[in-house]
Amino acid sequence: MKNMNDKTKKWLTVTGCLAVCAVLVVLIVAQFKTEKPVDAPLPSPSSPVSDVTVAPPEAENGKDVVVTPPEIPASSQPTDNGAVSSGTDQNIQANPVKPEYTEEQLKDATKKPNGDEVTPQDKPVDHDKVEQPKDTTPSTPKPSGGNSIPGFDNVPNLGENHGEYVDGDGDINKQVGTMD
């Protein structure tokens, strides 16, 4: 190694690092490769078939177990709400039925169409004849010398705005003053 110069050592180092990187890339790619599934071998058709028999359970003390279905009282009849649960068209509830009123029920001004009495709150109001309440709040006098902008009535007018020259290099992130 004494007879190698620095340039040769540098190229050998770079070549060795590239070889190590290539090996690492191959190993990483091999980790992501999925293995093909292997089918389990089918049993040969000549294998012996085993007979499996299940003995029925014996009743205790020679008595048979009898199960009786629960009785449904006649008073609880299923309600038909018009729901359909068969076929491709299924409804959760029946379609609403619009009540039909006669002309006499619709023209009677003392009763609603469903038969309820009409109350004074139900009667319509003619909005053209509604009286507006009179303004009874006392008006507050405006302070003198203020602006007429709402919310800024007490700000005195000091005349024309003026600006000042600030000596600086224009750095907006510069610290101003002392931070104690």
N, C-alpha and C. Protein backbone atom coordinates (compact mmCIF):
# COMPACT_ATOMS: atom_id res chain seq x y z
N MET A 1 0.81 -1.20 0.00
CA MET A 1 0.00 0.00 0.00
C MET A 1 0.86 1.27 0.00
N LYS A 2 2.14 1.08 0.21
CA LYS A 2 2.99 2.26 0.25
C LYS A 2 3.19 2.86 -1.13
N ASN A 3 3.09 2.04 -2.14
CA ASN A 3 3.35 2.56 -3.47
C ASN A 3 2.09 3.12 -4.15
N MET A 4 0.94 3.12 -3.47
CA MET A 4 -0.29 3.73 -4.04
C MET A 4 -0.34 5.20 -3.69
N ASN A 5 -0.75 6.00 -4.65
CA ASN A 5 -0.87 7.41 -4.35
C ASN A 5 -2.29 7.72 -3.84
N ASP A 6 -2.53 8.95 -3.47
CA ASP A 6 -3.81 9.35 -2.86
C ASP A 6 -4.97 9.21 -3.83
N LYS A 7 -4.74 9.44 -5.10
CA LYS A 7 -5.80 9.35 -6.10
C LYS A 7 -6.30 7.91 -6.22
N THR A 8 -5.40 6.96 -6.21
CA THR A 8 -5.78 5.56 -6.31
C THR A 8 -6.54 5.12 -5.07
N LYS A 9 -6.11 5.57 -3.89
CA LYS A 9 -6.80 5.24 -2.64
C LYS A 9 -8.23 5.79 -2.64
N LYS A 10 -8.36 7.00 -3.16
CA LYS A 10 -9.69 7.63 -3.21
C LYS A 10 -10.63 6.81 -4.11
N TRP A 11 -10.15 6.41 -5.28
CA TRP A 11 -11.00 5.65 -6.20
C TRP A 11 -11.32 4.26 -5.67
N LEU A 12 -10.42 3.64 -4.96
CA LEU A 12 -10.70 2.34 -4.34
C LEU A 12 -11.77 2.48 -3.25
N THR A 13 -11.69 3.55 -2.49
CA THR A 13 -12.69 3.79 -1.44
C THR A 13 -14.06 4.03 -2.06
N VAL A 14 -14.14 4.84 -3.10
CA VAL A 14 -15.42 5.12 -3.76
C VAL A 14 -15.98 3.84 -4.37
N THR A 15 -15.14 3.02 -5.01
CA THR A 15 -15.59 1.77 -5.62
C THR A 15 -16.09 0.80 -4.56
N GLY A 16 -15.42 0.73 -3.43
CA GLY A 16 -15.85 -0.15 -2.33
C GLY A 16 -17.20 0.30 -1.76
N CYS A 17 -17.38 1.61 -1.60
CA CYS A 17 -18.66 2.12 -1.08
C CYS A 17 -19.79 1.86 -2.07
N LEU A 18 -19.51 1.99 -3.37
CA LEU A 18 -20.54 1.70 -4.37
C LEU A 18 -20.91 0.22 -4.36
N ALA A 19 -19.95 -0.65 -4.15
CA ALA A 19 -20.24 -2.09 -4.08
C ALA A 19 -21.11 -2.41 -2.87
N VAL A 20 -20.81 -1.78 -1.72
CA VAL A 20 -21.62 -2.00 -0.52
C VAL A 20 -23.04 -1.48 -0.74
N CYS A 21 -23.18 -0.33 -1.39
CA CYS A 21 -24.52 0.22 -1.68
C CYS A 21 -25.29 -0.69 -2.61
N ALA A 22 -24.63 -1.26 -3.62
CA ALA A 22 -25.30 -2.17 -4.55
C ALA A 22 -25.80 -3.41 -3.82
N VAL A 23 -24.97 -3.95 -2.91
CA VAL A 23 -25.39 -5.13 -2.14
C VAL A 23 -26.59 -4.78 -1.26
N LEU A 24 -26.57 -3.61 -0.63
CA LEU A 24 -27.70 -3.20 0.22
C LEU A 24 -28.97 -3.04 -0.61
N VAL A 25 -28.87 -2.47 -1.81
CA VAL A 25 -30.05 -2.31 -2.66
C VAL A 25 -30.63 -3.66 -3.03
N VAL A 26 -29.79 -4.61 -3.37
CA VAL A 26 -30.26 -5.95 -3.72
C VAL A 26 -30.95 -6.60 -2.53
N LEU A 27 -30.40 -6.47 -1.35
CA LEU A 27 -31.02 -7.05 -0.15
C LEU A 27 -32.36 -6.40 0.17
N ILE A 28 -32.45 -5.10 0.02
CA ILE A 28 -33.72 -4.40 0.30
C ILE A 28 -34.79 -4.79 -0.71
N VAL A 29 -34.43 -4.89 -1.97
CA VAL A 29 -35.39 -5.30 -3.00
C VAL A 29 -35.85 -6.73 -2.76
N ALA A 30 -34.96 -7.58 -2.28
CA ALA A 30 -35.34 -8.98 -2.01
C ALA A 30 -36.35 -9.05 -0.86
N GLN A 31 -36.32 -8.12 0.06
CA GLN A 31 -37.29 -8.11 1.18
C GLN A 31 -38.69 -7.78 0.68
N PHE A 32 -38.81 -6.95 -0.35
CA PHE A 32 -40.11 -6.56 -0.85
C PHE A 32 -40.70 -7.54 -1.86
N LYS A 33 -39.91 -8.49 -2.29
CA LYS A 33 -40.39 -9.46 -3.26
C LYS A 33 -41.34 -10.43 -2.56
N THR A 34 -42.53 -10.62 -3.15
CA THR A 34 -43.51 -11.54 -2.55
C THR A 34 -43.29 -12.94 -3.10
N GLU A 35 -43.43 -13.90 -2.24
CA GLU A 35 -43.27 -15.28 -2.66
C GLU A 35 -44.57 -15.75 -3.28
N LYS A 36 -44.45 -16.58 -4.28
CA LYS A 36 -45.63 -17.14 -4.91
C LYS A 36 -46.22 -18.17 -3.97
N PRO A 37 -47.56 -18.16 -3.82
CA PRO A 37 -48.16 -19.13 -2.91
C PRO A 37 -48.00 -20.55 -3.46
N VAL A 38 -47.71 -21.42 -2.55
CA VAL A 38 -47.53 -22.83 -2.92
C VAL A 38 -48.79 -23.57 -2.52
N ASP A 39 -49.39 -24.27 -3.48
CA ASP A 39 -50.59 -25.03 -3.18
C ASP A 39 -50.24 -26.27 -2.37
N ALA A 40 -51.08 -26.57 -1.42
CA ALA A 40 -50.88 -27.78 -0.63
C ALA A 40 -51.19 -28.97 -1.52
N PRO A 41 -50.43 -30.01 -1.41
CA PRO A 41 -50.70 -31.18 -2.25
C PRO A 41 -52.04 -31.81 -1.91
N LEU A 42 -52.78 -32.18 -2.94
CA LEU A 42 -54.07 -32.82 -2.74
C LEU A 42 -53.86 -34.25 -2.28
N PRO A 43 -54.75 -34.75 -1.43
CA PRO A 43 -54.60 -36.14 -1.01
C PRO A 43 -54.89 -37.06 -2.19
N SER A 44 -54.22 -38.15 -2.20
CA SER A 44 -54.41 -39.08 -3.32
C SER A 44 -55.78 -39.74 -3.20
N PRO A 45 -56.41 -40.00 -4.32
CA PRO A 45 -57.75 -40.60 -4.27
C PRO A 45 -57.74 -42.03 -3.75
N SER A 46 -56.60 -42.63 -3.66
CA SER A 46 -56.55 -44.01 -3.17
C SER A 46 -56.38 -44.08 -1.66
N SER A 47 -56.40 -42.91 -0.98
CA SER A 47 -56.23 -42.95 0.47
C SER A 47 -57.48 -43.53 1.11
N PRO A 48 -57.32 -44.26 2.21
CA PRO A 48 -58.49 -44.90 2.84
C PRO A 48 -59.42 -43.87 3.45
N VAL A 49 -60.71 -44.11 3.32
CA VAL A 49 -61.73 -43.23 3.87
C VAL A 49 -62.07 -43.76 5.25
N SER A 50 -62.05 -42.85 6.21
CA SER A 50 -62.37 -43.29 7.57
C SER A 50 -63.84 -43.04 7.84
N ASP A 51 -64.48 -44.00 8.45
CA ASP A 51 -65.90 -43.86 8.79
C ASP A 51 -66.01 -43.19 10.15
N VAL A 52 -66.79 -42.13 10.18
CA VAL A 52 -67.02 -41.41 11.42
C VAL A 52 -68.48 -41.59 11.78
N THR A 53 -68.71 -42.07 12.98
CA THR A 53 -70.08 -42.24 13.45
C THR A 53 -70.25 -41.48 14.74
N VAL A 54 -71.40 -40.87 14.89
CA VAL A 54 -71.71 -40.10 16.10
C VAL A 54 -72.87 -40.79 16.78
N ALA A 55 -72.66 -41.12 18.01
CA ALA A 55 -73.72 -41.79 18.77
C ALA A 55 -74.67 -40.73 19.32
N PRO A 56 -75.96 -40.94 19.19
CA PRO A 56 -76.91 -39.96 19.73
C PRO A 56 -76.85 -39.95 21.25
N PRO A 57 -77.02 -38.79 21.84
CA PRO A 57 -76.95 -38.73 23.31
C PRO A 57 -78.15 -39.45 23.93
N GLU A 58 -77.85 -40.14 25.02
CA GLU A 58 -78.92 -40.86 25.70
C GLU A 58 -79.63 -39.91 26.65
N ALA A 59 -80.93 -40.07 26.74
CA ALA A 59 -81.72 -39.24 27.65
C ALA A 59 -81.45 -39.68 29.08
N GLU A 60 -81.47 -38.72 29.99
CA GLU A 60 -81.19 -39.03 31.38
C GLU A 60 -82.36 -39.79 31.99
N ASN A 61 -82.03 -40.83 32.70
CA ASN A 61 -83.00 -41.66 33.41
C ASN A 61 -84.08 -42.21 32.49
N GLY A 62 -83.81 -42.30 31.21
CA GLY A 62 -84.77 -42.87 30.29
C GLY A 62 -85.92 -41.94 29.96
N LYS A 63 -85.86 -40.69 30.36
CA LYS A 63 -86.95 -39.74 30.07
C LYS A 63 -86.59 -38.92 28.84
N ASP A 64 -87.58 -38.67 28.02
CA ASP A 64 -87.37 -37.83 26.85
C ASP A 64 -87.58 -36.37 27.23
N VAL A 65 -86.81 -35.49 26.64
CA VAL A 65 -86.93 -34.07 26.88
C VAL A 65 -87.96 -33.52 25.91
N VAL A 66 -88.96 -32.80 26.46
CA VAL A 66 -90.02 -32.24 25.63
C VAL A 66 -89.93 -30.72 25.71
N VAL A 67 -89.92 -30.08 24.53
CA VAL A 67 -89.87 -28.63 24.48
C VAL A 67 -91.19 -28.16 23.89
N THR A 68 -91.86 -27.26 24.61
CA THR A 68 -93.14 -26.73 24.13
C THR A 68 -92.93 -25.31 23.65
N PRO A 69 -93.50 -24.97 22.51
CA PRO A 69 -93.36 -23.59 22.03
C PRO A 69 -94.17 -22.64 22.90
N PRO A 70 -93.72 -21.38 23.06
CA PRO A 70 -94.46 -20.42 23.87
C PRO A 70 -95.78 -20.06 23.20
N GLU A 71 -96.76 -19.81 24.04
CA GLU A 71 -98.08 -19.46 23.52
C GLU A 71 -98.15 -17.95 23.27
N ILE A 72 -98.78 -17.57 22.17
CA ILE A 72 -98.94 -16.16 21.83
C ILE A 72 -100.38 -15.78 22.12
N PRO A 73 -100.59 -14.80 23.02
CA PRO A 73 -101.97 -14.41 23.33
C PRO A 73 -102.65 -13.82 22.09
N ALA A 74 -103.94 -14.00 21.99
CA ALA A 74 -104.70 -13.54 20.84
C ALA A 74 -104.84 -12.02 20.79
N SER A 75 -104.66 -11.33 21.93
CA SER A 75 -104.84 -9.87 21.96
C SER A 75 -103.69 -9.13 21.28
N SER A 76 -102.52 -9.74 21.24
CA SER A 76 -101.38 -9.04 20.61
C SER A 76 -101.32 -9.42 19.14
N GLN A 77 -101.98 -8.63 18.33
CA GLN A 77 -101.98 -8.87 16.90
C GLN A 77 -100.96 -7.94 16.26
N PRO A 78 -100.27 -8.41 15.26
CA PRO A 78 -99.29 -7.53 14.61
C PRO A 78 -100.02 -6.39 13.89
N THR A 79 -99.45 -5.21 14.03
CA THR A 79 -100.05 -4.04 13.39
C THR A 79 -99.52 -3.92 11.98
N ASP A 80 -100.37 -3.62 11.05
CA ASP A 80 -99.96 -3.45 9.67
C ASP A 80 -99.80 -1.96 9.40
N ASN A 81 -98.54 -1.53 9.30
CA ASN A 81 -98.29 -0.12 9.04
C ASN A 81 -97.97 0.12 7.58
N GLY A 82 -98.23 -0.84 6.74
CA GLY A 82 -98.01 -0.67 5.31
C GLY A 82 -96.57 -0.91 4.89
N ALA A 83 -95.74 -1.46 5.79
CA ALA A 83 -94.35 -1.69 5.44
C ALA A 83 -94.24 -2.93 4.57
N VAL A 84 -93.36 -2.86 3.60
CA VAL A 84 -93.14 -3.97 2.69
C VAL A 84 -91.69 -4.39 2.83
N SER A 85 -91.46 -5.67 3.13
CA SER A 85 -90.09 -6.13 3.29
C SER A 85 -89.76 -7.26 2.33
N SER A 86 -90.53 -7.43 1.29
CA SER A 86 -90.24 -8.48 0.33
C SER A 86 -90.04 -7.87 -1.04
N GLY A 87 -89.31 -8.58 -1.88
CA GLY A 87 -89.06 -8.09 -3.22
C GLY A 87 -87.96 -7.05 -3.24
N THR A 88 -87.83 -6.37 -4.36
CA THR A 88 -86.78 -5.37 -4.49
C THR A 88 -87.21 -4.00 -4.02
N ASP A 89 -88.52 -3.75 -3.89
CA ASP A 89 -89.03 -2.46 -3.44
C ASP A 89 -89.41 -2.59 -1.98
N GLN A 90 -88.58 -2.07 -1.08
CA GLN A 90 -88.83 -2.19 0.35
C GLN A 90 -89.13 -0.83 0.93
N ASN A 91 -90.17 -0.76 1.76
CA ASN A 91 -90.57 0.48 2.42
C ASN A 91 -90.49 0.28 3.92
N ILE A 92 -90.02 1.28 4.62
CA ILE A 92 -89.96 1.20 6.08
C ILE A 92 -91.32 1.53 6.67
N GLN A 93 -92.00 2.47 6.09
CA GLN A 93 -93.34 2.84 6.56
C GLN A 93 -94.22 3.11 5.36
N ALA A 94 -95.49 3.15 5.63
CA ALA A 94 -96.46 3.35 4.56
C ALA A 94 -96.37 4.79 4.04
N ASN A 95 -96.84 5.00 2.83
CA ASN A 95 -96.88 6.35 2.27
C ASN A 95 -97.90 7.18 3.04
N PRO A 96 -97.63 8.47 3.28
CA PRO A 96 -98.57 9.30 4.02
C PRO A 96 -99.86 9.50 3.23
N VAL A 97 -100.94 9.58 3.99
CA VAL A 97 -102.26 9.78 3.39
C VAL A 97 -102.69 11.21 3.66
N LYS A 98 -102.99 11.96 2.60
CA LYS A 98 -103.41 13.35 2.74
C LYS A 98 -104.90 13.37 3.06
N PRO A 99 -105.27 14.07 4.16
CA PRO A 99 -106.69 14.11 4.50
C PRO A 99 -107.47 14.91 3.46
N GLU A 100 -108.68 14.47 3.21
CA GLU A 100 -109.53 15.18 2.25
C GLU A 100 -110.65 15.87 3.01
N TYR A 101 -110.85 17.16 2.71
CA TYR A 101 -111.87 17.96 3.38
C TYR A 101 -112.96 18.33 2.37
N THR A 102 -114.15 18.51 2.90
CA THR A 102 -115.25 18.92 2.04
C THR A 102 -115.21 20.43 1.85
N GLU A 103 -115.95 20.93 0.87
CA GLU A 103 -116.00 22.37 0.62
C GLU A 103 -116.59 23.10 1.81
N GLU A 104 -117.53 22.48 2.50
CA GLU A 104 -118.16 23.12 3.67
C GLU A 104 -117.15 23.30 4.79
N GLN A 105 -116.26 22.31 5.02
CA GLN A 105 -115.24 22.42 6.07
C GLN A 105 -114.21 23.49 5.71
N LEU A 106 -113.91 23.63 4.44
CA LEU A 106 -112.90 24.61 4.04
C LEU A 106 -113.43 26.04 4.08
N LYS A 107 -114.73 26.26 3.90
CA LYS A 107 -115.29 27.61 3.87
C LYS A 107 -115.79 28.08 5.22
N ASP A 108 -115.86 27.22 6.24
CA ASP A 108 -116.32 27.62 7.57
C ASP A 108 -115.22 28.41 8.26
N ALA A 109 -115.45 29.71 8.53
CA ALA A 109 -114.43 30.58 9.11
C ALA A 109 -114.30 30.40 10.62
N THR A 110 -115.22 29.75 11.28
CA THR A 110 -115.17 29.60 12.74
C THR A 110 -114.39 28.36 13.15
N LYS A 111 -114.14 27.45 12.23
CA LYS A 111 -113.42 26.22 12.55
C LYS A 111 -112.31 25.99 11.53
N LYS A 112 -111.29 25.30 11.98
CA LYS A 112 -110.22 24.88 11.10
C LYS A 112 -110.71 23.66 10.33
N PRO A 113 -110.06 23.29 9.22
CA PRO A 113 -110.52 22.14 8.46
C PRO A 113 -110.50 20.83 9.26
N ASN A 114 -109.62 20.71 10.26
CA ASN A 114 -109.59 19.48 11.04
C ASN A 114 -110.63 19.48 12.16
N GLY A 115 -111.39 20.57 12.34
CA GLY A 115 -112.47 20.62 13.31
C GLY A 115 -112.17 21.44 14.55
N ASP A 116 -110.93 21.93 14.75
CA ASP A 116 -110.59 22.74 15.91
C ASP A 116 -111.18 24.14 15.76
N GLU A 117 -111.44 24.78 16.91
CA GLU A 117 -111.96 26.15 16.91
C GLU A 117 -110.84 27.13 16.55
N VAL A 118 -111.19 28.21 15.87
CA VAL A 118 -110.23 29.25 15.50
C VAL A 118 -110.07 30.19 16.68
N THR A 119 -108.83 30.43 17.12
CA THR A 119 -108.53 31.34 18.24
C THR A 119 -108.09 32.68 17.66
N PRO A 120 -108.09 33.75 18.48
CA PRO A 120 -107.64 35.06 17.96
C PRO A 120 -106.18 35.04 17.49
N GLN A 121 -105.36 34.14 18.05
CA GLN A 121 -103.96 34.07 17.60
C GLN A 121 -103.86 33.48 16.19
N ASP A 122 -104.87 32.70 15.80
CA ASP A 122 -104.84 32.07 14.48
C ASP A 122 -105.30 33.01 13.37
N LYS A 123 -105.97 34.08 13.71
CA LYS A 123 -106.51 34.98 12.69
C LYS A 123 -105.38 35.76 12.04
N PRO A 124 -105.43 36.00 10.74
CA PRO A 124 -104.35 36.73 10.06
C PRO A 124 -104.37 38.21 10.43
N VAL A 125 -103.19 38.82 10.37
CA VAL A 125 -103.03 40.24 10.71
C VAL A 125 -102.75 41.00 9.42
N ASP A 126 -103.44 42.11 9.22
CA ASP A 126 -103.18 42.95 8.06
C ASP A 126 -101.96 43.81 8.38
N HIS A 127 -100.85 43.53 7.72
CA HIS A 127 -99.59 44.19 8.06
C HIS A 127 -99.53 45.63 7.58
N ASP A 128 -100.44 46.03 6.70
CA ASP A 128 -100.44 47.42 6.26
C ASP A 128 -101.02 48.33 7.33
N LYS A 129 -101.85 47.81 8.24
CA LYS A 129 -102.52 48.62 9.24
C LYS A 129 -101.90 48.50 10.63
N VAL A 130 -100.75 47.86 10.74
CA VAL A 130 -100.10 47.71 12.04
C VAL A 130 -99.50 49.05 12.44
N GLU A 131 -99.76 49.48 13.69
CA GLU A 131 -99.23 50.74 14.18
C GLU A 131 -97.84 50.51 14.75
N GLN A 132 -96.92 51.35 14.33
CA GLN A 132 -95.55 51.26 14.84
C GLN A 132 -95.50 51.94 16.19
N PRO A 133 -94.78 51.39 17.17
CA PRO A 133 -94.69 52.04 18.47
C PRO A 133 -93.90 53.34 18.35
N LYS A 134 -94.31 54.30 19.14
CA LYS A 134 -93.62 55.59 19.12
C LYS A 134 -92.29 55.46 19.84
N ASP A 135 -91.30 56.18 19.35
CA ASP A 135 -89.97 56.14 19.95
C ASP A 135 -89.99 56.96 21.23
N THR A 136 -89.88 56.30 22.37
CA THR A 136 -89.94 56.99 23.66
C THR A 136 -88.57 57.13 24.30
N THR A 137 -87.51 56.65 23.66
CA THR A 137 -86.18 56.77 24.25
C THR A 137 -85.68 58.19 24.06
N PRO A 138 -85.15 58.79 25.11
CA PRO A 138 -84.63 60.16 24.96
C PRO A 138 -83.36 60.15 24.14
N SER A 139 -83.22 61.13 23.29
CA SER A 139 -82.02 61.21 22.46
C SER A 139 -80.89 61.80 23.30
N THR A 140 -79.73 61.19 23.20
CA THR A 140 -78.58 61.67 23.97
C THR A 140 -77.86 62.73 23.14
N PRO A 141 -77.48 63.82 23.77
CA PRO A 141 -76.79 64.87 23.02
C PRO A 141 -75.39 64.40 22.63
N LYS A 142 -74.94 64.83 21.45
CA LYS A 142 -73.61 64.47 21.00
C LYS A 142 -72.59 65.33 21.72
N PRO A 143 -71.48 64.70 22.11
CA PRO A 143 -70.44 65.52 22.74
C PRO A 143 -69.80 66.44 21.69
N SER A 144 -69.44 67.58 22.15
CA SER A 144 -68.88 68.55 21.21
C SER A 144 -67.42 68.21 20.93
N GLY A 145 -66.99 68.53 19.71
CA GLY A 145 -65.59 68.35 19.35
C GLY A 145 -65.26 66.93 18.94
N GLY A 146 -66.22 66.07 18.75
CA GLY A 146 -65.92 64.68 18.40
C GLY A 146 -66.22 64.40 16.94
N ASN A 147 -65.84 63.24 16.50
CA ASN A 147 -66.12 62.80 15.15
C ASN A 147 -67.56 62.33 15.06
N SER A 148 -68.07 62.19 13.87
CA SER A 148 -69.43 61.71 13.70
C SER A 148 -69.44 60.21 13.38
N ILE A 149 -68.32 59.52 13.55
CA ILE A 149 -68.26 58.08 13.31
C ILE A 149 -68.83 57.37 14.54
N PRO A 150 -69.78 56.46 14.35
CA PRO A 150 -70.34 55.75 15.51
C PRO A 150 -69.25 54.96 16.21
N GLY A 151 -69.23 55.04 17.53
CA GLY A 151 -68.24 54.35 18.32
C GLY A 151 -67.00 55.19 18.59
N PHE A 152 -66.82 56.26 17.85
CA PHE A 152 -65.66 57.13 18.04
C PHE A 152 -66.10 58.55 18.36
N ASP A 153 -67.21 58.69 19.05
CA ASP A 153 -67.76 60.02 19.31
C ASP A 153 -66.90 60.84 20.26
N ASN A 154 -66.17 60.19 21.15
CA ASN A 154 -65.40 60.93 22.15
C ASN A 154 -63.94 61.12 21.75
N VAL A 155 -63.59 60.83 20.50
CA VAL A 155 -62.22 61.03 20.04
C VAL A 155 -62.11 62.44 19.47
N PRO A 156 -61.31 63.26 20.05
CA PRO A 156 -61.21 64.63 19.54
C PRO A 156 -60.47 64.68 18.21
N ASN A 157 -60.83 65.65 17.39
CA ASN A 157 -60.18 65.84 16.10
C ASN A 157 -58.94 66.69 16.32
N LEU A 158 -57.77 66.08 16.07
CA LEU A 158 -56.51 66.80 16.31
C LEU A 158 -55.93 67.40 15.04
N GLY A 159 -56.70 67.39 13.99
CA GLY A 159 -56.21 68.00 12.77
C GLY A 159 -55.67 66.96 11.81
N GLU A 160 -54.82 67.45 10.90
CA GLU A 160 -54.29 66.59 9.85
C GLU A 160 -53.28 65.61 10.43
N ASN A 161 -53.26 64.39 9.84
CA ASN A 161 -52.29 63.38 10.30
C ASN A 161 -50.89 63.78 9.86
N HIS A 162 -49.92 63.36 10.64
CA HIS A 162 -48.54 63.65 10.26
C HIS A 162 -47.69 62.42 10.60
N GLY A 163 -46.62 62.23 9.86
CA GLY A 163 -45.72 61.10 10.07
C GLY A 163 -44.35 61.58 10.47
N GLU A 164 -43.54 60.63 10.94
CA GLU A 164 -42.19 60.98 11.37
C GLU A 164 -41.20 60.14 10.58
N TYR A 165 -40.00 60.66 10.40
CA TYR A 165 -38.95 59.93 9.73
C TYR A 165 -38.25 59.06 10.77
N VAL A 166 -38.15 57.75 10.46
CA VAL A 166 -37.49 56.82 11.38
C VAL A 166 -36.19 56.42 10.74
N ASP A 167 -35.11 56.63 11.49
CA ASP A 167 -33.79 56.29 10.97
C ASP A 167 -33.59 54.78 11.10
N GLY A 168 -33.39 54.12 9.99
CA GLY A 168 -33.17 52.68 10.02
C GLY A 168 -32.81 52.18 8.64
N ASP A 169 -32.31 50.96 8.59
CA ASP A 169 -31.91 50.40 7.31
C ASP A 169 -33.01 49.58 6.66
N GLY A 170 -34.19 49.53 7.25
CA GLY A 170 -35.31 48.83 6.67
C GLY A 170 -35.45 47.39 7.11
N ASP A 171 -34.66 46.96 8.07
CA ASP A 171 -34.75 45.59 8.55
C ASP A 171 -35.93 45.48 9.52
N ILE A 172 -36.96 44.73 9.12
CA ILE A 172 -38.15 44.66 9.97
C ILE A 172 -37.96 43.71 11.14
N ASN A 173 -36.94 42.87 11.09
CA ASN A 173 -36.69 41.94 12.19
C ASN A 173 -35.70 42.48 13.20
N LYS A 174 -35.37 43.74 13.10
CA LYS A 174 -34.39 44.35 13.98
C LYS A 174 -35.02 44.64 15.34
N GLN A 175 -34.27 44.35 16.40
CA GLN A 175 -34.78 44.61 17.74
C GLN A 175 -34.79 46.11 18.01
N VAL A 176 -35.91 46.55 18.58
CA VAL A 176 -36.06 47.97 18.87
C VAL A 176 -36.11 48.11 20.38
N GLY A 177 -35.25 48.92 20.93
CA GLY A 177 -35.27 49.16 22.36
C GLY A 177 -34.61 48.04 23.13
N THR A 178 -34.74 48.11 24.44
CA THR A 178 -34.16 47.07 25.30
C THR A 178 -35.26 46.13 25.76
N MET A 179 -34.92 44.89 25.86
CA MET A 179 -35.91 43.89 26.27
C MET A 179 -35.53 43.39 27.66
N ASP A 180 -35.82 44.16 28.70
CA ASP A 180 -35.51 43.77 30.07
C ASP A 180 -36.69 43.15 30.73
